[in-house]
């Protein structure tokens, strides 16, 4: 039984998963927490600089494609998995 227990325990998540989980918990609890909004603002600003976004229309496309932290997490996880292959 003890030998099998280790295979059922959750392994620690990656740092980016922990960040998204932390900001999402406050949102689910119906608390007025701006953590996810602040995180998404930083992420979108970084993406705009990386892709050299110059106008509001292009920035709006980023906001539409990545409306919340879970969508960003999905994309990050997808790319990390792709790089690990």
PDB file of N, CA and C in Angstrom:
ATOM      1  N   UNK A   1       0.816  -1.180   0.000  1.00  0.00           N
ATOM      2  CA  UNK A   1       0.000   0.000   0.000  1.00  0.00           C
ATOM      3  C   UNK A   1       0.873   1.262   0.000  1.00  0.00           C
ATOM      4  N   UNK A   2       1.884   1.274   0.851  1.00  0.00           N
ATOM      5  CA  UNK A   2       2.776   2.441   0.924  1.00  0.00           C
ATOM      6  C   UNK A   2       3.509   2.650  -0.401  1.00  0.00           C
ATOM      7  N   UNK A   3       3.873   1.564  -1.061  1.00  0.00           N
ATOM      8  CA  UNK A   3       4.589   1.682  -2.334  1.00  0.00           C
ATOM      9  C   UNK A   3       3.705   2.318  -3.407  1.00  0.00           C
ATOM     10  N   UNK A   4       2.432   2.016  -3.405  1.00  0.00           N
ATOM     11  CA  UNK A   4       1.511   2.578  -4.388  1.00  0.00           C
ATOM     12  C   UNK A   4       1.104   4.005  -4.068  1.00  0.00           C
ATOM     13  N   UNK A   5       1.191   4.392  -2.808  1.00  0.00           N
ATOM     14  CA  UNK A   5       0.755   5.723  -2.396  1.00  0.00           C
ATOM     15  C   UNK A   5       1.490   6.821  -3.161  1.00  0.00           C
ATOM     16  N   UNK A   6       2.780   6.654  -3.393  1.00  0.00           N
ATOM     17  CA  UNK A   6       3.573   7.656  -4.099  1.00  0.00           C
ATOM     18  C   UNK A   6       3.089   7.916  -5.512  1.00  0.00           C
ATOM     19  N   UNK A   7       2.548   6.917  -6.172  1.00  0.00           N
ATOM     20  CA  UNK A   7       2.094   7.101  -7.544  1.00  0.00           C
ATOM     21  C   UNK A   7       0.781   7.883  -7.621  1.00  0.00           C
ATOM     22  N   UNK A   8       0.083   8.017  -6.497  1.00  0.00           N
ATOM     23  CA  UNK A   8      -1.181   8.751  -6.489  1.00  0.00           C
ATOM     24  C   UNK A   8      -1.046  10.172  -5.960  1.00  0.00           C
ATOM     25  N   UNK A   9       0.093  10.507  -5.392  1.00  0.00           N
ATOM     26  CA  UNK A   9       0.285  11.844  -4.852  1.00  0.00           C
ATOM     27  C   UNK A   9       0.542  12.835  -5.974  1.00  0.00           C
ATOM     28  N   UNK A  10       0.012  14.034  -5.794  1.00  0.00           N
ATOM     29  CA  UNK A  10       0.221  15.096  -6.783  1.00  0.00           C
ATOM     30  C   UNK A  10       1.645  15.623  -6.669  1.00  0.00           C
ATOM     31  N   UNK A  11       2.258  15.777  -7.773  1.00  0.00           N
ATOM     32  CA  UNK A  11       3.595  16.355  -7.816  1.00  0.00           C
ATOM     33  C   UNK A  11       3.471  17.876  -7.791  1.00  0.00           C
ATOM     34  N   UNK A  12       4.503  18.571  -7.298  1.00  0.00           N
ATOM     35  CA  UNK A  12       4.440  20.039  -7.302  1.00  0.00           C
ATOM     36  C   UNK A  12       4.292  20.581  -8.725  1.00  0.00           C
ATOM     37  N   UNK A  13       3.496  21.618  -8.870  1.00  0.00           N
ATOM     38  CA  UNK A  13       3.286  22.192 -10.197  1.00  0.00           C
ATOM     39  C   UNK A  13       4.424  23.133 -10.567  1.00  0.00           C
ATOM     40  N   UNK A  14       4.438  23.472 -11.821  1.00  0.00           N
ATOM     41  CA  UNK A  14       5.402  24.443 -12.325  1.00  0.00           C
ATOM     42  C   UNK A  14       5.080  25.814 -11.740  1.00  0.00           C
ATOM     43  N   UNK A  15       6.056  26.699 -11.763  1.00  0.00           N
ATOM     44  CA  UNK A  15       5.871  28.039 -11.174  1.00  0.00           C
ATOM     45  C   UNK A  15       4.742  28.800 -11.847  1.00  0.00           C
ATOM     46  N   UNK A  16       4.607  28.655 -13.165  1.00  0.00           N
ATOM     47  CA  UNK A  16       3.567  29.410 -13.857  1.00  0.00           C
ATOM     48  C   UNK A  16       2.176  28.880 -13.530  1.00  0.00           C
ATOM     49  N   UNK A  17       2.057  27.587 -13.255  1.00  0.00           N
ATOM     50  CA  UNK A  17       0.777  27.014 -12.846  1.00  0.00           C
ATOM     51  C   UNK A  17       0.408  27.527 -11.451  1.00  0.00           C
ATOM     52  N   UNK A  18       1.384  27.610 -10.568  1.00  0.00           N
ATOM     53  CA  UNK A  18       1.139  28.097  -9.214  1.00  0.00           C
ATOM     54  C   UNK A  18       0.668  29.556  -9.231  1.00  0.00           C
ATOM     55  N   UNK A  19       1.244  30.362 -10.108  1.00  0.00           N
ATOM     56  CA  UNK A  19       0.836  31.773 -10.197  1.00  0.00           C
ATOM     57  C   UNK A  19      -0.609  31.879 -10.659  1.00  0.00           C
ATOM     58  N   UNK A  20      -0.957  31.171 -11.717  1.00  0.00           N
ATOM     59  CA  UNK A  20      -2.329  31.238 -12.236  1.00  0.00           C
ATOM     60  C   UNK A  20      -3.311  30.679 -11.212  1.00  0.00           C
ATOM     61  N   UNK A  21      -2.942  29.603 -10.535  1.00  0.00           N
ATOM     62  CA  UNK A  21      -3.818  29.060  -9.497  1.00  0.00           C
ATOM     63  C   UNK A  21      -4.046  30.076  -8.378  1.00  0.00           C
ATOM     64  N   UNK A  22      -2.997  30.772  -7.976  1.00  0.00           N
ATOM     65  CA  UNK A  22      -3.111  31.747  -6.883  1.00  0.00           C
ATOM     66  C   UNK A  22      -4.041  32.896  -7.251  1.00  0.00           C
ATOM     67  N   UNK A  23      -3.942  33.413  -8.456  1.00  0.00           N
ATOM     68  CA  UNK A  23      -4.808  34.534  -8.832  1.00  0.00           C
ATOM     69  C   UNK A  23      -6.223  34.066  -9.155  1.00  0.00           C
ATOM     70  N   UNK A  24      -6.384  32.822  -9.550  1.00  0.00           N
ATOM     71  CA  UNK A  24      -7.711  32.306  -9.887  1.00  0.00           C
ATOM     72  C   UNK A  24      -8.525  31.955  -8.648  1.00  0.00           C
ATOM     73  N   UNK A  25      -7.878  31.587  -7.568  1.00  0.00           N
ATOM     74  CA  UNK A  25      -8.589  31.221  -6.346  1.00  0.00           C
ATOM     75  C   UNK A  25      -9.383  32.405  -5.818  1.00  0.00           C
ATOM     76  N   UNK A  26      -8.792  33.577  -5.826  1.00  0.00           N
ATOM     77  CA  UNK A  26      -9.497  34.770  -5.356  1.00  0.00           C
ATOM     78  C   UNK A  26     -10.707  35.072  -6.225  1.00  0.00           C
ATOM     79  N   UNK A  27     -10.573  34.862  -7.528  1.00  0.00           N
ATOM     80  CA  UNK A  27     -11.674  35.136  -8.458  1.00  0.00           C
ATOM     81  C   UNK A  27     -12.834  34.178  -8.203  1.00  0.00           C
ATOM     82  N   UNK A  28     -12.534  32.902  -7.959  1.00  0.00           N
ATOM     83  CA  UNK A  28     -13.588  31.916  -7.711  1.00  0.00           C
ATOM     84  C   UNK A  28     -14.314  32.167  -6.402  1.00  0.00           C
ATOM     85  N   UNK A  29     -13.639  32.755  -5.433  1.00  0.00           N
ATOM     86  CA  UNK A  29     -14.247  33.002  -4.138  1.00  0.00           C
ATOM     87  C   UNK A  29     -15.107  34.253  -4.112  1.00  0.00           C
ATOM     88  N   UNK A  30     -15.371  34.848  -5.274  1.00  0.00           N
ATOM     89  CA  UNK A  30     -16.172  36.069  -5.399  1.00  0.00           C
ATOM     90  C   UNK A  30     -15.613  37.226  -4.580  1.00  0.00           C
ATOM     91  N   UNK A  31     -14.310  37.208  -4.373  1.00  0.00           N
ATOM     92  CA  UNK A  31     -13.676  38.318  -3.672  1.00  0.00           C
ATOM     93  C   UNK A  31     -13.320  39.382  -4.689  1.00  0.00           C
ATOM     94  N   UNK A  32     -13.333  40.600  -4.239  1.00  0.00           N
ATOM     95  CA  UNK A  32     -12.942  41.696  -5.120  1.00  0.00           C
ATOM     96  C   UNK A  32     -11.425  41.764  -5.103  1.00  0.00           C
ATOM     97  N   UNK A  33     -10.790  40.961  -5.934  1.00  0.00           N
ATOM     98  CA  UNK A  33      -9.334  40.879  -5.972  1.00  0.00           C
ATOM     99  C   UNK A  33      -8.872  41.219  -7.375  1.00  0.00           C
ATOM    100  N   UNK A  34      -7.932  42.109  -7.459  1.00  0.00           N
ATOM    101  CA  UNK A  34      -7.442  42.560  -8.762  1.00  0.00           C
ATOM    102  C   UNK A  34      -6.199  41.800  -9.195  1.00  0.00           C
ATOM    103  N   UNK A  35      -5.883  40.690  -8.537  1.00  0.00           N
ATOM    104  CA  UNK A  35      -4.662  39.952  -8.858  1.00  0.00           C
ATOM    105  C   UNK A  35      -4.639  39.453 -10.298  1.00  0.00           C
ATOM    106  N   UNK A  36      -5.735  38.849 -10.735  1.00  0.00           N
ATOM    107  CA  UNK A  36      -5.763  38.331 -12.101  1.00  0.00           C
ATOM    108  C   UNK A  36      -5.726  39.470 -13.111  1.00  0.00           C
ATOM    109  N   UNK A  37      -6.430  40.543 -12.816  1.00  0.00           N
ATOM    110  CA  UNK A  37      -6.408  41.698 -13.718  1.00  0.00           C
ATOM    111  C   UNK A  37      -4.999  42.277 -13.836  1.00  0.00           C
ATOM    112  N   UNK A  38      -4.298  42.360 -12.709  1.00  0.00           N
ATOM    113  CA  UNK A  38      -2.925  42.881 -12.715  1.00  0.00           C
ATOM    114  C   UNK A  38      -1.998  41.949 -13.486  1.00  0.00           C
ATOM    115  N   UNK A  39      -2.156  40.641 -13.266  1.00  0.00           N
ATOM    116  CA  UNK A  39      -1.332  39.667 -13.987  1.00  0.00           C
ATOM    117  C   UNK A  39      -1.578  39.755 -15.490  1.00  0.00           C
ATOM    118  N   UNK A  40      -2.856  39.822 -15.872  1.00  0.00           N
ATOM    119  CA  UNK A  40      -3.184  39.874 -17.291  1.00  0.00           C
ATOM    120  C   UNK A  40      -2.690  41.169 -17.931  1.00  0.00           C
ATOM    121  N   UNK A  41      -2.730  42.254 -17.190  1.00  0.00           N
ATOM    122  CA  UNK A  41      -2.207  43.514 -17.710  1.00  0.00           C
ATOM    123  C   UNK A  41      -0.712  43.395 -18.010  1.00  0.00           C
ATOM    124  N   UNK A  42       0.019  42.790 -17.089  1.00  0.00           N
ATOM    125  CA  UNK A  42       1.462  42.585 -17.305  1.00  0.00           C
ATOM    126  C   UNK A  42       1.724  41.662 -18.498  1.00  0.00           C
ATOM    127  N   UNK A  43       0.972  40.570 -18.567  1.00  0.00           N
ATOM    128  CA  UNK A  43       1.164  39.603 -19.656  1.00  0.00           C
ATOM    129  C   UNK A  43       0.877  40.262 -21.006  1.00  0.00           C
ATOM    130  N   UNK A  44      -0.216  40.994 -21.085  1.00  0.00           N
ATOM    131  CA  UNK A  44      -0.575  41.638 -22.360  1.00  0.00           C
ATOM    132  C   UNK A  44       0.431  42.714 -22.751  1.00  0.00           C
ATOM    133  N   UNK A  45       0.922  43.464 -21.776  1.00  0.00           N
ATOM    134  CA  UNK A  45       1.944  44.472 -22.074  1.00  0.00           C
ATOM    135  C   UNK A  45       3.213  43.828 -22.615  1.00  0.00           C
ATOM    136  N   UNK A  46       3.619  42.724 -21.998  1.00  0.00           N
ATOM    137  CA  UNK A  46       4.808  42.005 -22.474  1.00  0.00           C
ATOM    138  C   UNK A  46       4.591  41.449 -23.878  1.00  0.00           C
ATOM    139  N   UNK A  47       3.402  40.905 -24.126  1.00  0.00           N
ATOM    140  CA  UNK A  47       3.101  40.372 -25.453  1.00  0.00           C
ATOM    141  C   UNK A  47       3.108  41.485 -26.494  1.00  0.00           C
ATOM    142  N   UNK A  48       2.559  42.634 -26.134  1.00  0.00           N
ATOM    143  CA  UNK A  48       2.524  43.766 -27.063  1.00  0.00           C
ATOM    144  C   UNK A  48       3.932  44.218 -27.418  1.00  0.00           C
ATOM    145  N   UNK A  49       4.827  44.244 -26.438  1.00  0.00           N
ATOM    146  CA  UNK A  49       6.213  44.616 -26.719  1.00  0.00           C
ATOM    147  C   UNK A  49       6.907  43.560 -27.566  1.00  0.00           C
ATOM    148  N   UNK A  50       6.658  42.294 -27.249  1.00  0.00           N
ATOM    149  CA  UNK A  50       7.304  41.207 -27.981  1.00  0.00           C
ATOM    150  C   UNK A  50       6.869  41.196 -29.445  1.00  0.00           C
ATOM    151  N   UNK A  51       5.582  41.376 -29.686  1.00  0.00           N
ATOM    152  CA  UNK A  51       5.051  41.354 -31.047  1.00  0.00           C
ATOM    153  C   UNK A  51       5.058  42.722 -31.709  1.00  0.00           C
ATOM    154  N   UNK A  52       5.605  43.714 -31.013  1.00  0.00           N
ATOM    155  CA  UNK A  52       5.717  45.078 -31.533  1.00  0.00           C
ATOM    156  C   UNK A  52       4.351  45.633 -31.954  1.00  0.00           C
ATOM    157  N   UNK A  53       3.383  45.511 -31.047  1.00  0.00           N
ATOM    158  CA  UNK A  53       2.030  46.001 -31.272  1.00  0.00           C
ATOM    159  C   UNK A  53       2.042  47.525 -31.184  1.00  0.00           C
ATOM    160  N   UNK A  54       1.490  48.166 -32.184  1.00  0.00           N
ATOM    161  CA  UNK A  54       1.557  49.621 -32.232  1.00  0.00           C
ATOM    162  C   UNK A  54       0.203  50.301 -32.077  1.00  0.00           C
ATOM    163  N   UNK A  55      -0.888  49.584 -32.308  1.00  0.00           N
ATOM    164  CA  UNK A  55      -2.183  50.268 -32.245  1.00  0.00           C
ATOM    165  C   UNK A  55      -3.183  49.520 -31.354  1.00  0.00           C
ATOM    166  N   UNK A  56      -4.262  50.185 -31.031  1.00  0.00           N
ATOM    167  CA  UNK A  56      -5.269  49.637 -30.125  1.00  0.00           C
ATOM    168  C   UNK A  56      -6.004  48.437 -30.709  1.00  0.00           C
ATOM    169  N   UNK A  57      -6.165  48.411 -32.017  1.00  0.00           N
ATOM    170  CA  UNK A  57      -6.854  47.281 -32.648  1.00  0.00           C
ATOM    171  C   UNK A  57      -6.082  45.988 -32.427  1.00  0.00           C
ATOM    172  N   UNK A  58      -4.776  46.026 -32.640  1.00  0.00           N
ATOM    173  CA  UNK A  58      -3.951  44.836 -32.441  1.00  0.00           C
ATOM    174  C   UNK A  58      -3.914  44.431 -30.965  1.00  0.00           C
ATOM    175  N   UNK A  59      -3.849  45.431 -30.080  1.00  0.00           N
ATOM    176  CA  UNK A  59      -3.862  45.132 -28.649  1.00  0.00           C
ATOM    177  C   UNK A  59      -5.200  44.507 -28.255  1.00  0.00           C
ATOM    178  N   UNK A  60      -6.285  44.975 -28.854  1.00  0.00           N
ATOM    179  CA  UNK A  60      -7.609  44.403 -28.605  1.00  0.00           C
ATOM    180  C   UNK A  60      -7.683  42.943 -29.032  1.00  0.00           C
ATOM    181  N   UNK A  61      -6.968  42.594 -30.108  1.00  0.00           N
ATOM    182  CA  UNK A  61      -6.934  41.208 -30.558  1.00  0.00           C
ATOM    183  C   UNK A  61      -6.243  40.319 -29.525  1.00  0.00           C
ATOM    184  N   UNK A  62      -5.201  40.834 -28.898  1.00  0.00           N
ATOM    185  CA  UNK A  62      -4.522  40.077 -27.840  1.00  0.00           C
ATOM    186  C   UNK A  62      -5.477  39.876 -26.663  1.00  0.00           C
ATOM    187  N   UNK A  63      -6.189  40.939 -26.272  1.00  0.00           N
ATOM    188  CA  UNK A  63      -7.134  40.832 -25.161  1.00  0.00           C
ATOM    189  C   UNK A  63      -8.235  39.821 -25.470  1.00  0.00           C
ATOM    190  N   UNK A  64      -8.660  39.777 -26.722  1.00  0.00           N
ATOM    191  CA  UNK A  64      -9.721  38.850 -27.109  1.00  0.00           C
ATOM    192  C   UNK A  64      -9.202  37.414 -27.135  1.00  0.00           C
ATOM    193  N   UNK A  65      -7.993  37.219 -27.612  1.00  0.00           N
ATOM    194  CA  UNK A  65      -7.425  35.873 -27.707  1.00  0.00           C
ATOM    195  C   UNK A  65      -7.059  35.311 -26.335  1.00  0.00           C
ATOM    196  N   UNK A  66      -6.632  36.184 -25.421  1.00  0.00           N
ATOM    197  CA  UNK A  66      -6.233  35.776 -24.075  1.00  0.00           C
ATOM    198  C   UNK A  66      -7.034  36.570 -23.041  1.00  0.00           C
ATOM    199  N   UNK A  67      -8.310  36.225 -22.842  1.00  0.00           N
ATOM    200  CA  UNK A  67      -9.168  37.014 -21.955  1.00  0.00           C
ATOM    201  C   UNK A  67      -8.901  36.804 -20.462  1.00  0.00           C
ATOM    202  N   UNK A  68      -8.261  35.674 -20.111  1.00  0.00           N
ATOM    203  CA  UNK A  68      -8.014  35.418 -18.695  1.00  0.00           C
ATOM    204  C   UNK A  68      -6.731  34.613 -18.509  1.00  0.00           C
ATOM    205  N   UNK A  69      -6.344  34.442 -17.254  1.00  0.00           N
ATOM    206  CA  UNK A  69      -5.088  33.772 -16.940  1.00  0.00           C
ATOM    207  C   UNK A  69      -5.096  32.302 -17.350  1.00  0.00           C
ATOM    208  N   UNK A  70      -6.241  31.664 -17.323  1.00  0.00           N
ATOM    209  CA  UNK A  70      -6.313  30.250 -17.720  1.00  0.00           C
ATOM    210  C   UNK A  70      -5.960  30.057 -19.194  1.00  0.00           C
ATOM    211  N   UNK A  71      -6.382  30.979 -20.031  1.00  0.00           N
ATOM    212  CA  UNK A  71      -6.039  30.882 -21.456  1.00  0.00           C
ATOM    213  C   UNK A  71      -4.540  31.069 -21.668  1.00  0.00           C
ATOM    214  N   UNK A  72      -3.940  31.972 -20.902  1.00  0.00           N
ATOM    215  CA  UNK A  72      -2.490  32.168 -20.987  1.00  0.00           C
ATOM    216  C   UNK A  72      -1.790  30.905 -20.506  1.00  0.00           C
ATOM    217  N   UNK A  73      -2.265  30.326 -19.406  1.00  0.00           N
ATOM    218  CA  UNK A  73      -1.680  29.094 -18.883  1.00  0.00           C
ATOM    219  C   UNK A  73      -1.747  27.974 -19.911  1.00  0.00           C
ATOM    220  N   UNK A  74      -2.887  27.855 -20.582  1.00  0.00           N
ATOM    221  CA  UNK A  74      -3.036  26.838 -21.624  1.00  0.00           C
ATOM    222  C   UNK A  74      -1.970  27.010 -22.703  1.00  0.00           C
ATOM    223  N   UNK A  75      -1.759  28.247 -23.152  1.00  0.00           N
ATOM    224  CA  UNK A  75      -0.790  28.520 -24.214  1.00  0.00           C
ATOM    225  C   UNK A  75       0.640  28.254 -23.733  1.00  0.00           C
ATOM    226  N   UNK A  76       0.960  28.691 -22.514  1.00  0.00           N
ATOM    227  CA  UNK A  76       2.296  28.465 -21.964  1.00  0.00           C
ATOM    228  C   UNK A  76       2.555  26.965 -21.829  1.00  0.00           C
ATOM    229  N   UNK A  77       1.590  26.234 -21.284  1.00  0.00           N
ATOM    230  CA  UNK A  77       1.749  24.785 -21.112  1.00  0.00           C
ATOM    231  C   UNK A  77       1.930  24.088 -22.442  1.00  0.00           C
ATOM    232  N   UNK A  78       1.179  24.527 -23.433  1.00  0.00           N
ATOM    233  CA  UNK A  78       1.265  23.956 -24.777  1.00  0.00           C
ATOM    234  C   UNK A  78       2.670  24.155 -25.354  1.00  0.00           C
ATOM    235  N   UNK A  79       3.210  25.363 -25.202  1.00  0.00           N
ATOM    236  CA  UNK A  79       4.542  25.656 -25.745  1.00  0.00           C
ATOM    237  C   UNK A  79       5.636  24.923 -24.978  1.00  0.00           C
ATOM    238  N   UNK A  80       5.506  24.808 -23.652  1.00  0.00           N
ATOM    239  CA  UNK A  80       6.495  24.084 -22.863  1.00  0.00           C
ATOM    240  C   UNK A  80       6.503  22.620 -23.275  1.00  0.00           C
ATOM    241  N   UNK A  81       5.322  22.048 -23.439  1.00  0.00           N
ATOM    242  CA  UNK A  81       5.222  20.657 -23.870  1.00  0.00           C
ATOM    243  C   UNK A  81       5.836  20.464 -25.252  1.00  0.00           C
ATOM    244  N   UNK A  82       5.602  21.430 -26.130  1.00  0.00           N
ATOM    245  CA  UNK A  82       6.153  21.371 -27.485  1.00  0.00           C
ATOM    246  C   UNK A  82       7.691  21.425 -27.457  1.00  0.00           C
ATOM    247  N   UNK A  83       8.246  22.258 -26.581  1.00  0.00           N
ATOM    248  CA  UNK A  83       9.706  22.367 -26.475  1.00  0.00           C
ATOM    249  C   UNK A  83      10.329  21.120 -25.856  1.00  0.00           C
ATOM    250  N   UNK A  84       9.575  20.405 -25.009  1.00  0.00           N
ATOM    251  CA  UNK A  84      10.089  19.204 -24.349  1.00  0.00           C
ATOM    252  C   UNK A  84      10.163  17.992 -25.278  1.00  0.00           C
ATOM    253  N   UNK A  85       9.497  18.076 -26.419  1.00  0.00           N
ATOM    254  CA  UNK A  85       9.487  16.927 -27.359  1.00  0.00           C
ATOM    255  C   UNK A  85      10.803  16.749 -28.016  1.00  0.00           C
TER     256      UNK A  85
END
